[in-house]
């Protein structure tokens, strides 16, 4: 198995050391570099081309949000997961818009973090259901005009099966859980999500859920509350 090549972007040497030691204990993960601010993260990303960057939101000289924007514009294939201290982080919505794949709370249990990172290789978004719900609710409230502006062309409309997968995704289920609930294989789940992202012209699962809710093709998970 080829290890997931990870770069760490955080201005705390102590926190980076802890992360490095944790990830170094896993044969399926490899820390290829570290950065202490946003500009250094961009430079190291160009040099190392990691599979994934764990990016702290608050760093000196250039913060993680701006660094994520620059990395995504130049190297969109690099996945970026934001490190945050709170589920109420004000930059959640901005970083999702510019392409971040997920969020990890800094106080998360080590084993949970490793599970989240392994999920990236399966196309999953490392993000807790509570944060996902906040993001979906925020975008739904602020972008209703997008949904009402036009109906999607027939070729871009989601099938009932694609909507099933997307609805379960908004509830925080992993690919494996979705496969089990629908009685299909994980590869079938991945294929349906890939088709959804192609139809909706988005780059990750959270963006797909947001766009589908905006277009009123699925109902948000809080609509029955």
Protein backbone atom coordinates (compact mmCIF):
# COMPACT_ATOMS: atom_id res chain seq x y z
CA UNK A 1 0.00 0.00 0.00
CA UNK A 2 1.32 3.42 -0.96
CA UNK A 3 1.24 5.63 2.16
CA UNK A 4 -0.77 8.84 2.24
CA UNK A 5 1.78 11.66 1.91
CA UNK A 6 0.90 14.35 4.44
CA UNK A 7 2.27 17.84 5.04
CA UNK A 8 1.70 19.68 8.34
CA UNK A 9 0.96 23.40 8.39
CA UNK A 10 0.82 24.81 11.93
CA UNK A 11 2.76 27.53 13.74
CA UNK A 12 3.02 25.49 16.97
CA UNK A 13 6.15 23.29 16.96
CA UNK A 14 4.74 21.35 19.90
CA UNK A 15 1.49 20.56 18.09
CA UNK A 16 3.37 19.62 14.88
CA UNK A 17 5.63 17.29 16.86
CA UNK A 18 2.64 15.55 18.40
CA UNK A 19 1.01 15.13 15.00
CA UNK A 20 4.27 13.95 13.44
CA UNK A 21 4.77 11.29 16.12
CA UNK A 22 1.18 10.08 15.76
CA UNK A 23 1.30 9.83 11.97
CA UNK A 24 4.81 8.33 11.95
CA UNK A 25 3.45 5.36 13.90
CA UNK A 26 1.14 4.48 10.98
CA UNK A 27 2.63 2.52 8.06
CA UNK A 28 -0.08 3.83 5.71
CA UNK A 29 0.84 7.48 6.36
CA UNK A 30 4.00 9.50 5.81
CA UNK A 31 4.77 13.06 6.92
CA UNK A 32 6.74 14.56 4.03
CA UNK A 33 7.16 18.11 5.34
CA UNK A 34 6.19 20.81 7.81
CA UNK A 35 5.42 24.53 7.58
CA UNK A 36 5.05 27.19 10.27
CA UNK A 37 3.05 29.79 8.31
CA UNK A 38 0.94 30.12 5.19
CA UNK A 39 3.68 31.32 2.84
CA UNK A 40 5.95 28.46 3.89
CA UNK A 41 3.06 26.04 3.39
CA UNK A 42 2.66 27.23 -0.20
CA UNK A 43 6.39 26.92 -0.87
CA UNK A 44 6.58 23.45 0.64
CA UNK A 45 3.47 22.35 -1.26
CA UNK A 46 5.11 23.36 -4.54
CA UNK A 47 8.26 21.47 -3.62
CA UNK A 48 6.75 18.33 -2.13
CA UNK A 49 3.35 17.96 -3.84
CA UNK A 50 1.80 16.09 -0.88
CA UNK A 51 -1.47 14.19 -1.16
CA UNK A 52 -2.85 16.09 1.82
CA UNK A 53 -2.09 19.18 3.89
CA UNK A 54 -3.31 19.50 7.48
CA UNK A 55 -3.61 23.28 7.65
CA UNK A 56 -4.08 25.35 10.79
CA UNK A 57 -6.46 28.27 10.26
CA UNK A 58 -4.50 30.77 12.34
CA UNK A 59 -0.82 31.18 11.40
CA UNK A 60 1.50 34.23 11.22
CA UNK A 61 2.40 36.16 8.03
CA UNK A 62 -0.26 34.34 6.00
CA UNK A 63 -3.17 32.50 7.63
CA UNK A 64 -4.43 29.06 6.69
CA UNK A 65 -7.46 30.37 4.79
CA UNK A 66 -5.36 32.45 2.39
CA UNK A 67 -2.76 29.68 2.12
CA UNK A 68 -5.52 27.23 1.20
CA UNK A 69 -6.80 29.62 -1.48
CA UNK A 70 -3.33 29.93 -3.05
CA UNK A 71 -2.57 26.20 -2.91
CA UNK A 72 -5.95 25.29 -4.41
CA UNK A 73 -5.60 27.83 -7.23
CA UNK A 74 -2.15 26.51 -8.16
CA UNK A 75 -2.39 22.84 -7.18
CA UNK A 76 -6.09 21.86 -6.98
CA UNK A 77 -5.35 18.13 -6.71
CA UNK A 78 -3.81 18.58 -3.24
CA UNK A 79 -6.41 17.87 -0.57
CA UNK A 80 -6.54 20.26 2.37
CA UNK A 81 -8.08 19.61 5.77
CA UNK A 82 -8.34 22.58 8.12
CA UNK A 83 -7.32 22.34 11.77
CA UNK A 84 -9.63 24.32 14.03
CA UNK A 85 -10.17 24.72 17.78
CA UNK A 86 -13.95 25.25 17.61
CA UNK A 87 -17.00 24.02 15.74
CA UNK A 88 -18.12 27.66 15.66
CA UNK A 89 -15.10 28.73 13.60
CA UNK A 90 -16.11 31.75 11.49
CA UNK A 91 -13.91 30.67 8.58
CA UNK A 92 -15.67 27.32 8.06
CA UNK A 93 -17.81 28.56 5.20
CA UNK A 94 -15.09 30.52 3.44
CA UNK A 95 -12.67 27.61 3.36
CA UNK A 96 -15.30 25.19 2.04
CA UNK A 97 -16.06 27.65 -0.78
CA UNK A 98 -12.41 27.74 -1.82
CA UNK A 99 -12.08 23.97 -1.84
CA UNK A 100 -11.04 22.62 1.58
CA UNK A 101 -12.04 18.99 1.91
CA UNK A 102 -12.85 19.02 5.61
CA UNK A 103 -12.26 20.14 9.18
CA UNK A 104 -10.62 18.48 12.16
CA UNK A 105 -11.00 19.78 15.70
CA UNK A 106 -7.63 20.01 17.45
CA UNK A 107 -8.98 18.21 20.51
CA UNK A 108 -10.11 15.16 18.52
CA UNK A 109 -9.06 11.74 19.80
CA UNK A 110 -5.97 10.42 17.96
CA UNK A 111 -7.71 7.29 16.66
CA UNK A 112 -10.63 9.35 15.34
CA UNK A 113 -8.19 11.61 13.49
CA UNK A 114 -6.49 8.59 11.90
CA UNK A 115 -9.86 7.19 10.81
CA UNK A 116 -10.76 10.55 9.26
CA UNK A 117 -7.48 10.74 7.35
CA UNK A 118 -7.83 7.18 6.08
CA UNK A 119 -11.29 8.09 4.85
CA UNK A 120 -9.74 10.64 2.49
CA UNK A 121 -8.26 7.79 0.45
CA UNK A 122 -11.82 6.46 0.08
CA UNK A 123 -13.12 9.82 -1.07
CA UNK A 124 -14.70 10.74 2.25
CA UNK A 125 -14.68 14.18 3.83
CA UNK A 126 -13.12 14.34 7.31
CA UNK A 127 -15.76 16.46 8.97
CA UNK A 128 -18.04 15.88 11.94
CA UNK A 129 -21.82 15.72 11.36
CA UNK A 130 -22.36 18.74 13.64
CA UNK A 131 -19.97 20.91 11.60
CA UNK A 132 -21.42 19.59 8.34
CA UNK A 133 -24.93 20.56 9.43
CA UNK A 134 -23.79 24.10 10.30
CA UNK A 135 -22.10 24.49 6.93
CA UNK A 136 -25.11 23.18 5.00
CA UNK A 137 -27.50 25.39 6.96
CA UNK A 138 -25.36 28.49 6.43
CA UNK A 139 -25.07 28.01 2.69
CA UNK A 140 -28.74 27.15 2.35
CA UNK A 141 -29.79 30.37 4.11
CA UNK A 142 -27.39 32.65 2.26
CA UNK A 143 -27.71 31.24 -1.24
CA UNK A 144 -31.39 30.50 -1.78
CA UNK A 145 -31.35 32.78 -4.84
CA UNK A 146 -29.07 30.32 -6.59
CA UNK A 147 -31.63 27.57 -6.21
CA UNK A 148 -34.46 29.76 -7.41
CA UNK A 149 -32.65 31.33 -10.37
CA UNK A 150 -32.96 28.42 -12.75
CA UNK A 151 -33.86 24.75 -13.00
CA UNK A 152 -30.98 22.40 -13.79
CA UNK A 153 -30.86 20.92 -17.32
CA UNK A 154 -32.20 17.37 -17.58
CA UNK A 155 -28.69 16.02 -18.15
CA UNK A 156 -27.56 17.51 -14.81
CA UNK A 157 -30.48 16.33 -12.69
CA UNK A 158 -29.69 13.77 -10.04
CA UNK A 159 -31.18 10.29 -10.21
CA UNK A 160 -33.15 8.89 -7.29
CA UNK A 161 -30.22 6.60 -6.45
CA UNK A 162 -27.78 9.52 -6.45
CA UNK A 163 -30.10 11.48 -4.16
CA UNK A 164 -30.24 8.53 -1.74
CA UNK A 165 -26.45 8.55 -1.40
CA UNK A 166 -26.31 12.33 -1.02
CA UNK A 167 -29.00 12.40 1.66
CA UNK A 168 -27.12 9.84 3.73
CA UNK A 169 -23.93 11.84 3.22
CA UNK A 170 -25.59 14.96 4.71
CA UNK A 171 -26.43 12.89 7.79
CA UNK A 172 -22.73 12.25 8.36
CA UNK A 173 -22.49 8.63 7.18
CA UNK A 174 -19.23 7.22 5.79
CA UNK A 175 -19.00 5.43 2.44
CA UNK A 176 -19.02 2.07 4.25
CA UNK A 177 -22.14 2.99 6.24
CA UNK A 178 -23.92 4.29 3.12
CA UNK A 179 -23.07 1.07 1.28
CA UNK A 180 -24.46 -1.01 4.14
CA UNK A 181 -27.65 1.03 4.45
CA UNK A 182 -28.36 0.85 0.71
CA UNK A 183 -27.20 -2.73 0.23
CA UNK A 184 -24.59 -1.81 -2.39
CA UNK A 185 -20.79 -1.92 -2.59
CA UNK A 186 -18.48 0.89 -1.47
CA UNK A 187 -17.26 1.23 -5.06
CA UNK A 188 -20.86 1.82 -6.15
CA UNK A 189 -21.15 4.57 -3.52
CA UNK A 190 -17.94 6.18 -4.82
CA UNK A 191 -19.18 6.01 -8.41
CA UNK A 192 -22.49 7.65 -7.53
CA UNK A 193 -20.76 10.43 -5.60
CA UNK A 194 -18.37 10.98 -8.51
CA UNK A 195 -21.35 11.27 -10.89
CA UNK A 196 -23.04 13.71 -8.50
CA UNK A 197 -19.96 15.95 -8.34
CA UNK A 198 -19.62 15.89 -12.13
CA UNK A 199 -23.26 16.85 -12.62
CA UNK A 200 -23.15 19.60 -10.01
CA UNK A 201 -19.74 20.93 -11.15
CA UNK A 202 -18.21 20.78 -7.67
CA UNK A 203 -14.97 19.42 -6.25
CA UNK A 204 -15.90 17.71 -2.99
CA UNK A 205 -18.75 16.05 -1.14
CA UNK A 206 -19.71 19.00 1.06
CA UNK A 207 -19.95 21.27 -1.97
CA UNK A 208 -22.11 18.62 -3.67
CA UNK A 209 -24.54 18.55 -0.75
CA UNK A 210 -24.70 22.35 -0.65
CA UNK A 211 -25.40 22.61 -4.38
CA UNK A 212 -28.07 19.88 -4.30
CA UNK A 213 -29.86 21.64 -1.42
CA UNK A 214 -29.65 24.97 -3.26
CA UNK A 215 -31.22 23.38 -6.33
CA UNK A 216 -33.86 21.77 -4.09
CA UNK A 217 -33.01 18.29 -5.35
CA UNK A 218 -32.64 17.06 -1.76
CA UNK A 219 -33.94 18.37 1.55
CA UNK A 220 -31.48 19.49 4.24
CA UNK A 221 -31.07 17.13 7.22
CA UNK A 222 -32.58 19.68 9.61
CA UNK A 223 -35.81 20.15 7.59
CA UNK A 224 -37.74 17.59 9.67
CA UNK A 225 -36.67 19.10 12.98
